């Protein structure tokens, strides 16, 4: 019986070892370093890879602003009619 229990040793506990020099923001710091080390040519290549141009993004933003302006105008008109006819 002792021989069988010898082969069935419990697995050692596993600890999440965090070294003394552990940096919790390592990935964020690396990204910031990469951003700071880019040259003009790199930023141009990255800009070409980005989906949509600046003009397309600006058009979408202006459309969103126009929707917001229309909503405000509708609210003002509704409130004006409410106060005029109440």
PDB file of N, CA and C in Angstrom:
ATOM      1  N   UNK A   1       0.816  -1.190   0.000  1.00  0.00           N
ATOM      2  CA  UNK A   1       0.000   0.000   0.000  1.00  0.00           C
ATOM      3  C   UNK A   1       0.865   1.262   0.000  1.00  0.00           C
ATOM      4  N   UNK A   2       1.969   1.191   0.681  1.00  0.00           N
ATOM      5  CA  UNK A   2       2.861   2.341   0.746  1.00  0.00           C
ATOM      6  C   UNK A   2       3.485   2.630  -0.613  1.00  0.00           C
ATOM      7  N   UNK A   3       3.709   1.603  -1.387  1.00  0.00           N
ATOM      8  CA  UNK A   3       4.305   1.784  -2.710  1.00  0.00           C
ATOM      9  C   UNK A   3       3.325   2.534  -3.621  1.00  0.00           C
ATOM     10  N   UNK A   4       2.053   2.200  -3.553  1.00  0.00           N
ATOM     11  CA  UNK A   4       1.048   2.873  -4.374  1.00  0.00           C
ATOM     12  C   UNK A   4       0.946   4.347  -3.976  1.00  0.00           C
ATOM     13  N   UNK A   5       0.940   4.629  -2.697  1.00  0.00           N
ATOM     14  CA  UNK A   5       0.845   6.020  -2.265  1.00  0.00           C
ATOM     15  C   UNK A   5       2.098   6.806  -2.655  1.00  0.00           C
ATOM     16  N   UNK A   6       3.219   6.129  -2.791  1.00  0.00           N
ATOM     17  CA  UNK A   6       4.444   6.801  -3.221  1.00  0.00           C
ATOM     18  C   UNK A   6       4.294   7.335  -4.645  1.00  0.00           C
ATOM     19  N   UNK A   7       3.629   6.582  -5.501  1.00  0.00           N
ATOM     20  CA  UNK A   7       3.444   7.009  -6.887  1.00  0.00           C
ATOM     21  C   UNK A   7       2.349   8.061  -7.038  1.00  0.00           C
ATOM     22  N   UNK A   8       1.493   8.176  -6.085  1.00  0.00           N
ATOM     23  CA  UNK A   8       0.400   9.150  -6.157  1.00  0.00           C
ATOM     24  C   UNK A   8       0.693  10.356  -5.272  1.00  0.00           C
ATOM     25  N   UNK A   9       1.833  10.929  -5.477  1.00  0.00           N
ATOM     26  CA  UNK A   9       2.182  12.121  -4.709  1.00  0.00           C
ATOM     27  C   UNK A   9       1.337  13.301  -5.176  1.00  0.00           C
ATOM     28  N   UNK A  10       0.938  14.141  -4.275  1.00  0.00           N
ATOM     29  CA  UNK A  10       0.166  15.311  -4.698  1.00  0.00           C
ATOM     30  C   UNK A  10       1.052  16.266  -5.509  1.00  0.00           C
ATOM     31  N   UNK A  11       0.410  16.949  -6.419  1.00  0.00           N
ATOM     32  CA  UNK A  11       1.155  17.915  -7.228  1.00  0.00           C
ATOM     33  C   UNK A  11       1.558  19.099  -6.354  1.00  0.00           C
ATOM     34  N   UNK A  12       2.748  19.617  -6.575  1.00  0.00           N
ATOM     35  CA  UNK A  12       3.162  20.771  -5.763  1.00  0.00           C
ATOM     36  C   UNK A  12       2.303  21.993  -6.088  1.00  0.00           C
ATOM     37  N   UNK A  13       2.138  22.838  -5.107  1.00  0.00           N
ATOM     38  CA  UNK A  13       1.342  24.045  -5.319  1.00  0.00           C
ATOM     39  C   UNK A  13       2.069  24.973  -6.288  1.00  0.00           C
ATOM     40  N   UNK A  14       1.277  25.595  -7.154  1.00  0.00           N
ATOM     41  CA  UNK A  14       1.860  26.532  -8.104  1.00  0.00           C
ATOM     42  C   UNK A  14       1.494  27.945  -7.670  1.00  0.00           C
ATOM     43  N   UNK A  15       2.495  28.768  -7.596  1.00  0.00           N
ATOM     44  CA  UNK A  15       2.291  30.143  -7.176  1.00  0.00           C
ATOM     45  C   UNK A  15       2.485  31.060  -8.367  1.00  0.00           C
ATOM     46  N   UNK A  16       1.752  32.132  -8.363  1.00  0.00           N
ATOM     47  CA  UNK A  16       1.980  33.149  -9.384  1.00  0.00           C
ATOM     48  C   UNK A  16       3.125  34.023  -8.889  1.00  0.00           C
ATOM     49  N   UNK A  17       4.287  33.733  -9.417  1.00  0.00           N
ATOM     50  CA  UNK A  17       5.478  34.440  -8.959  1.00  0.00           C
ATOM     51  C   UNK A  17       5.603  35.766  -9.688  1.00  0.00           C
ATOM     52  N   UNK A  18       5.603  36.840  -8.953  1.00  0.00           N
ATOM     53  CA  UNK A  18       5.801  38.168  -9.531  1.00  0.00           C
ATOM     54  C   UNK A  18       7.166  38.658  -9.061  1.00  0.00           C
ATOM     55  N   UNK A  19       8.095  38.838  -9.990  1.00  0.00           N
ATOM     56  CA  UNK A  19       9.430  39.269  -9.573  1.00  0.00           C
ATOM     57  C   UNK A  19       9.422  40.683  -8.989  1.00  0.00           C
ATOM     58  N   UNK A  20      10.491  41.029  -8.326  1.00  0.00           N
ATOM     59  CA  UNK A  20      10.593  42.334  -7.675  1.00  0.00           C
ATOM     60  C   UNK A  20      10.488  43.458  -8.696  1.00  0.00           C
ATOM     61  N   UNK A  21      11.055  43.242  -9.865  1.00  0.00           N
ATOM     62  CA  UNK A  21      11.081  44.280 -10.894  1.00  0.00           C
ATOM     63  C   UNK A  21       9.841  44.248 -11.779  1.00  0.00           C
ATOM     64  N   UNK A  22       8.787  43.614 -11.349  1.00  0.00           N
ATOM     65  CA  UNK A  22       7.572  43.477 -12.149  1.00  0.00           C
ATOM     66  C   UNK A  22       6.976  44.849 -12.446  1.00  0.00           C
ATOM     67  N   UNK A  23       6.668  45.066 -13.705  1.00  0.00           N
ATOM     68  CA  UNK A  23       6.064  46.329 -14.139  1.00  0.00           C
ATOM     69  C   UNK A  23       4.660  46.027 -14.643  1.00  0.00           C
ATOM     70  N   UNK A  24       3.659  46.465 -13.913  1.00  0.00           N
ATOM     71  CA  UNK A  24       2.279  46.159 -14.289  1.00  0.00           C
ATOM     72  C   UNK A  24       1.862  46.879 -15.563  1.00  0.00           C
ATOM     73  N   UNK A  25       2.535  47.976 -15.896  1.00  0.00           N
ATOM     74  CA  UNK A  25       2.184  48.737 -17.093  1.00  0.00           C
ATOM     75  C   UNK A  25       3.217  48.534 -18.196  1.00  0.00           C
ATOM     76  N   UNK A  26       3.787  47.334 -18.248  1.00  0.00           N
ATOM     77  CA  UNK A  26       4.863  47.068 -19.201  1.00  0.00           C
ATOM     78  C   UNK A  26       4.408  47.277 -20.644  1.00  0.00           C
ATOM     79  N   UNK A  27       3.263  46.696 -20.999  1.00  0.00           N
ATOM     80  CA  UNK A  27       2.781  46.816 -22.376  1.00  0.00           C
ATOM     81  C   UNK A  27       2.468  48.273 -22.718  1.00  0.00           C
ATOM     82  N   UNK A  28       1.849  48.976 -21.791  1.00  0.00           N
ATOM     83  CA  UNK A  28       1.515  50.379 -22.033  1.00  0.00           C
ATOM     84  C   UNK A  28       2.786  51.212 -22.230  1.00  0.00           C
ATOM     85  N   UNK A  29       3.794  50.947 -21.408  1.00  0.00           N
ATOM     86  CA  UNK A  29       5.056  51.678 -21.541  1.00  0.00           C
ATOM     87  C   UNK A  29       5.734  51.371 -22.868  1.00  0.00           C
ATOM     88  N   UNK A  30       5.678  50.099 -23.293  1.00  0.00           N
ATOM     89  CA  UNK A  30       6.283  49.735 -24.575  1.00  0.00           C
ATOM     90  C   UNK A  30       5.572  50.441 -25.727  1.00  0.00           C
ATOM     91  N   UNK A  31       4.248  50.517 -25.657  1.00  0.00           N
ATOM     92  CA  UNK A  31       3.508  51.219 -26.706  1.00  0.00           C
ATOM     93  C   UNK A  31       3.890  52.696 -26.749  1.00  0.00           C
ATOM     94  N   UNK A  32       4.011  53.305 -25.585  1.00  0.00           N
ATOM     95  CA  UNK A  32       4.399  54.718 -25.539  1.00  0.00           C
ATOM     96  C   UNK A  32       5.800  54.921 -26.095  1.00  0.00           C
ATOM     97  N   UNK A  33       6.707  53.989 -25.774  1.00  0.00           N
ATOM     98  CA  UNK A  33       8.067  54.092 -26.307  1.00  0.00           C
ATOM     99  C   UNK A  33       8.055  53.955 -27.823  1.00  0.00           C
ATOM    100  N   UNK A  34       7.231  53.027 -28.319  1.00  0.00           N
ATOM    101  CA  UNK A  34       7.142  52.849 -29.770  1.00  0.00           C
ATOM    102  C   UNK A  34       6.574  54.097 -30.437  1.00  0.00           C
ATOM    103  N   UNK A  35       5.583  54.719 -29.818  1.00  0.00           N
ATOM    104  CA  UNK A  35       5.008  55.943 -30.384  1.00  0.00           C
ATOM    105  C   UNK A  35       6.053  57.051 -30.445  1.00  0.00           C
ATOM    106  N   UNK A  36       6.839  57.153 -29.380  1.00  0.00           N
ATOM    107  CA  UNK A  36       7.839  58.223 -29.321  1.00  0.00           C
ATOM    108  C   UNK A  36       8.994  57.986 -30.281  1.00  0.00           C
ATOM    109  N   UNK A  37       9.271  56.717 -30.604  1.00  0.00           N
ATOM    110  CA  UNK A  37      10.430  56.419 -31.441  1.00  0.00           C
ATOM    111  C   UNK A  37      10.091  56.381 -32.930  1.00  0.00           C
ATOM    112  N   UNK A  38       8.844  56.606 -33.292  1.00  0.00           N
ATOM    113  CA  UNK A  38       8.470  56.563 -34.707  1.00  0.00           C
ATOM    114  C   UNK A  38       9.022  57.762 -35.457  1.00  0.00           C
ATOM    115  N   UNK A  39       9.313  57.521 -36.708  1.00  0.00           N
ATOM    116  CA  UNK A  39       9.763  58.612 -37.565  1.00  0.00           C
ATOM    117  C   UNK A  39       8.612  59.042 -38.460  1.00  0.00           C
ATOM    118  N   UNK A  40       8.852  60.053 -39.258  1.00  0.00           N
ATOM    119  CA  UNK A  40       7.813  60.552 -40.157  1.00  0.00           C
ATOM    120  C   UNK A  40       7.398  59.478 -41.152  1.00  0.00           C
ATOM    121  N   UNK A  41       8.372  58.706 -41.670  1.00  0.00           N
ATOM    122  CA  UNK A  41       8.062  57.659 -42.649  1.00  0.00           C
ATOM    123  C   UNK A  41       7.179  56.586 -42.029  1.00  0.00           C
ATOM    124  N   UNK A  42       7.463  56.221 -40.773  1.00  0.00           N
ATOM    125  CA  UNK A  42       6.649  55.209 -40.095  1.00  0.00           C
ATOM    126  C   UNK A  42       5.212  55.691 -39.942  1.00  0.00           C
ATOM    127  N   UNK A  43       5.049  56.935 -39.525  1.00  0.00           N
ATOM    128  CA  UNK A  43       3.694  57.444 -39.314  1.00  0.00           C
ATOM    129  C   UNK A  43       2.938  57.519 -40.641  1.00  0.00           C
ATOM    130  N   UNK A  44       3.653  57.800 -41.732  1.00  0.00           N
ATOM    131  CA  UNK A  44       3.009  57.838 -43.046  1.00  0.00           C
ATOM    132  C   UNK A  44       2.525  56.444 -43.439  1.00  0.00           C
ATOM    133  N   UNK A  45       3.353  55.417 -43.190  1.00  0.00           N
ATOM    134  CA  UNK A  45       2.953  54.037 -43.512  1.00  0.00           C
ATOM    135  C   UNK A  45       1.758  53.615 -42.662  1.00  0.00           C
ATOM    136  N   UNK A  46       1.789  53.961 -41.401  1.00  0.00           N
ATOM    137  CA  UNK A  46       0.685  53.595 -40.505  1.00  0.00           C
ATOM    138  C   UNK A  46      -0.590  54.304 -40.938  1.00  0.00           C
ATOM    139  N   UNK A  47      -0.465  55.572 -41.327  1.00  0.00           N
ATOM    140  CA  UNK A  47      -1.641  56.332 -41.758  1.00  0.00           C
ATOM    141  C   UNK A  47      -2.253  55.719 -43.009  1.00  0.00           C
ATOM    142  N   UNK A  48      -1.431  55.167 -43.882  1.00  0.00           N
ATOM    143  CA  UNK A  48      -1.961  54.532 -45.088  1.00  0.00           C
ATOM    144  C   UNK A  48      -2.678  53.225 -44.768  1.00  0.00           C
ATOM    145  N   UNK A  49      -2.262  52.560 -43.684  1.00  0.00           N
ATOM    146  CA  UNK A  49      -2.878  51.283 -43.319  1.00  0.00           C
ATOM    147  C   UNK A  49      -4.206  51.476 -42.589  1.00  0.00           C
ATOM    148  N   UNK A  50      -4.410  52.647 -42.023  1.00  0.00           N
ATOM    149  CA  UNK A  50      -5.633  52.909 -41.262  1.00  0.00           C
ATOM    150  C   UNK A  50      -6.828  52.884 -42.205  1.00  0.00           C
ATOM    151  N   UNK A  51      -7.891  52.210 -41.763  1.00  0.00           N
ATOM    152  CA  UNK A  51      -9.077  52.098 -42.613  1.00  0.00           C
ATOM    153  C   UNK A  51      -9.796  53.440 -42.660  1.00  0.00           C
ATOM    154  N   UNK A  52     -10.012  53.932 -43.863  1.00  0.00           N
ATOM    155  CA  UNK A  52     -10.699  55.211 -44.026  1.00  0.00           C
ATOM    156  C   UNK A  52      -9.721  56.368 -43.962  1.00  0.00           C
ATOM    157  N   UNK A  53      -9.982  57.350 -44.734  1.00  0.00           N
ATOM    158  CA  UNK A  53      -9.105  58.515 -44.749  1.00  0.00           C
ATOM    159  C   UNK A  53      -9.605  59.545 -43.747  1.00  0.00           C
ATOM    160  N   UNK A  54      -8.811  60.567 -43.555  1.00  0.00           N
ATOM    161  CA  UNK A  54      -9.199  61.645 -42.642  1.00  0.00           C
ATOM    162  C   UNK A  54     -10.478  62.314 -43.126  1.00  0.00           C
ATOM    163  N   UNK A  55     -10.592  62.440 -44.444  1.00  0.00           N
ATOM    164  CA  UNK A  55     -11.769  63.101 -45.010  1.00  0.00           C
ATOM    165  C   UNK A  55     -13.037  62.299 -44.707  1.00  0.00           C
ATOM    166  N   UNK A  56     -12.951  60.962 -44.838  1.00  0.00           N
ATOM    167  CA  UNK A  56     -14.120  60.120 -44.551  1.00  0.00           C
ATOM    168  C   UNK A  56     -14.496  60.222 -43.078  1.00  0.00           C
ATOM    169  N   UNK A  57     -13.496  60.185 -42.213  1.00  0.00           N
ATOM    170  CA  UNK A  57     -13.781  60.265 -40.784  1.00  0.00           C
ATOM    171  C   UNK A  57     -14.377  61.625 -40.438  1.00  0.00           C
ATOM    172  N   UNK A  58     -13.882  62.681 -41.061  1.00  0.00           N
ATOM    173  CA  UNK A  58     -14.396  64.027 -40.803  1.00  0.00           C
ATOM    174  C   UNK A  58     -15.842  64.138 -41.273  1.00  0.00           C
ATOM    175  N   UNK A  59     -16.146  63.494 -42.413  1.00  0.00           N
ATOM    176  CA  UNK A  59     -17.515  63.535 -42.931  1.00  0.00           C
ATOM    177  C   UNK A  59     -18.463  62.852 -41.953  1.00  0.00           C
ATOM    178  N   UNK A  60     -18.045  61.700 -41.424  1.00  0.00           N
ATOM    179  CA  UNK A  60     -18.886  60.978 -40.475  1.00  0.00           C
ATOM    180  C   UNK A  60     -19.109  61.822 -39.220  1.00  0.00           C
ATOM    181  N   UNK A  61     -18.063  62.464 -38.741  1.00  0.00           N
ATOM    182  CA  UNK A  61     -18.189  63.307 -37.551  1.00  0.00           C
ATOM    183  C   UNK A  61     -19.139  64.463 -37.806  1.00  0.00           C
ATOM    184  N   UNK A  62     -19.017  65.091 -38.977  1.00  0.00           N
ATOM    185  CA  UNK A  62     -19.902  66.222 -39.271  1.00  0.00           C
ATOM    186  C   UNK A  62     -21.347  65.755 -39.413  1.00  0.00           C
ATOM    187  N   UNK A  63     -21.557  64.523 -39.914  1.00  0.00           N
ATOM    188  CA  UNK A  63     -22.920  63.987 -40.003  1.00  0.00           C
ATOM    189  C   UNK A  63     -23.489  63.779 -38.608  1.00  0.00           C
ATOM    190  N   UNK A  64     -22.655  63.276 -37.682  1.00  0.00           N
ATOM    191  CA  UNK A  64     -23.112  63.081 -36.309  1.00  0.00           C
ATOM    192  C   UNK A  64     -23.478  64.411 -35.661  1.00  0.00           C
ATOM    193  N   UNK A  65     -22.666  65.432 -35.910  1.00  0.00           N
ATOM    194  CA  UNK A  65     -22.947  66.760 -35.353  1.00  0.00           C
ATOM    195  C   UNK A  65     -24.240  67.315 -35.943  1.00  0.00           C
ATOM    196  N   UNK A  66     -24.458  67.092 -37.234  1.00  0.00           N
ATOM    197  CA  UNK A  66     -25.687  67.571 -37.875  1.00  0.00           C
ATOM    198  C   UNK A  66     -26.911  66.906 -37.249  1.00  0.00           C
ATOM    199  N   UNK A  67     -26.823  65.601 -36.972  1.00  0.00           N
ATOM    200  CA  UNK A  67     -27.938  64.908 -36.315  1.00  0.00           C
ATOM    201  C   UNK A  67     -28.211  65.526 -34.947  1.00  0.00           C
ATOM    202  N   UNK A  68     -27.143  65.824 -34.221  1.00  0.00           N
ATOM    203  CA  UNK A  68     -27.280  66.413 -32.895  1.00  0.00           C
ATOM    204  C   UNK A  68     -27.944  67.788 -32.992  1.00  0.00           C
ATOM    205  N   UNK A  69     -27.528  68.590 -33.979  1.00  0.00           N
ATOM    206  CA  UNK A  69     -28.121  69.918 -34.170  1.00  0.00           C
ATOM    207  C   UNK A  69     -29.605  69.821 -34.506  1.00  0.00           C
ATOM    208  N   UNK A  70     -29.967  68.856 -35.345  1.00  0.00           N
ATOM    209  CA  UNK A  70     -31.380  68.679 -35.713  1.00  0.00           C
ATOM    210  C   UNK A  70     -32.203  68.306 -34.489  1.00  0.00           C
ATOM    211  N   UNK A  71     -31.668  67.453 -33.645  1.00  0.00           N
ATOM    212  CA  UNK A  71     -32.391  67.063 -32.431  1.00  0.00           C
ATOM    213  C   UNK A  71     -32.626  68.271 -31.532  1.00  0.00           C
ATOM    214  N   UNK A  72     -31.610  69.105 -31.394  1.00  0.00           N
ATOM    215  CA  UNK A  72     -31.762  70.300 -30.555  1.00  0.00           C
ATOM    216  C   UNK A  72     -32.826  71.229 -31.136  1.00  0.00           C
ATOM    217  N   UNK A  73     -32.812  71.417 -32.451  1.00  0.00           N
ATOM    218  CA  UNK A  73     -33.817  72.276 -33.087  1.00  0.00           C
ATOM    219  C   UNK A  73     -35.224  71.726 -32.886  1.00  0.00           C
ATOM    220  N   UNK A  74     -35.392  70.430 -33.019  1.00  0.00           N
ATOM    221  CA  UNK A  74     -36.714  69.815 -32.817  1.00  0.00           C
ATOM    222  C   UNK A  74     -37.184  70.041 -31.386  1.00  0.00           C
ATOM    223  N   UNK A  75     -36.289  69.871 -30.427  1.00  0.00           N
ATOM    224  CA  UNK A  75     -36.657  70.082 -29.024  1.00  0.00           C
ATOM    225  C   UNK A  75     -37.063  71.532 -28.789  1.00  0.00           C
ATOM    226  N   UNK A  76     -36.319  72.474 -29.366  1.00  0.00           N
ATOM    227  CA  UNK A  76     -36.652  73.899 -29.209  1.00  0.00           C
ATOM    228  C   UNK A  76     -38.010  74.207 -29.823  1.00  0.00           C
ATOM    229  N   UNK A  77     -38.290  73.667 -31.006  1.00  0.00           N
ATOM    230  CA  UNK A  77     -39.583  73.906 -31.668  1.00  0.00           C
ATOM    231  C   UNK A  77     -40.720  73.318 -30.846  1.00  0.00           C
ATOM    232  N   UNK A  78     -40.540  72.109 -30.349  1.00  0.00           N
ATOM    233  CA  UNK A  78     -41.586  71.465 -29.540  1.00  0.00           C
ATOM    234  C   UNK A  78     -41.842  72.276 -28.272  1.00  0.00           C
ATOM    235  N   UNK A  79     -40.780  72.713 -27.604  1.00  0.00           N
ATOM    236  CA  UNK A  79     -40.962  73.514 -26.392  1.00  0.00           C
ATOM    237  C   UNK A  79     -41.621  74.860 -26.701  1.00  0.00           C
ATOM    238  N   UNK A  80     -41.264  75.460 -27.832  1.00  0.00           N
ATOM    239  CA  UNK A  80     -41.874  76.737 -28.218  1.00  0.00           C
ATOM    240  C   UNK A  80     -43.376  76.567 -28.426  1.00  0.00           C
ATOM    241  N   UNK A  81     -43.788  75.533 -29.167  1.00  0.00           N
ATOM    242  CA  UNK A  81     -45.217  75.280 -29.368  1.00  0.00           C
ATOM    243  C   UNK A  81     -45.911  74.977 -28.051  1.00  0.00           C
ATOM    244  N   UNK A  82     -45.239  74.249 -27.179  1.00  0.00           N
ATOM    245  CA  UNK A  82     -45.831  73.913 -25.887  1.00  0.00           C
ATOM    246  C   UNK A  82     -46.118  75.180 -25.084  1.00  0.00           C
ATOM    247  N   UNK A  83     -45.131  76.084 -25.014  1.00  0.00           N
ATOM    248  CA  UNK A  83     -45.319  77.301 -24.224  1.00  0.00           C
ATOM    249  C   UNK A  83     -46.253  78.299 -24.909  1.00  0.00           C
ATOM    250  N   UNK A  84     -46.287  78.312 -26.236  1.00  0.00           N
ATOM    251  CA  UNK A  84     -47.181  79.229 -26.943  1.00  0.00           C
ATOM    252  C   UNK A  84     -48.645  78.822 -26.807  1.00  0.00           C
ATOM    253  N   UNK A  85     -48.917  77.550 -26.889  1.00  0.00           N
ATOM    254  CA  UNK A  85     -50.306  77.081 -26.913  1.00  0.00           C
ATOM    255  C   UNK A  85     -50.784  76.497 -25.591  1.00  0.00           C
ATOM    256  N   UNK A  86     -50.015  76.642 -24.533  1.00  0.00           N
ATOM    257  CA  UNK A  86     -50.502  76.117 -23.249  1.00  0.00           C
ATOM    258  C   UNK A  86     -50.957  77.235 -22.330  1.00  0.00           C
TER     259      UNK A  86
END
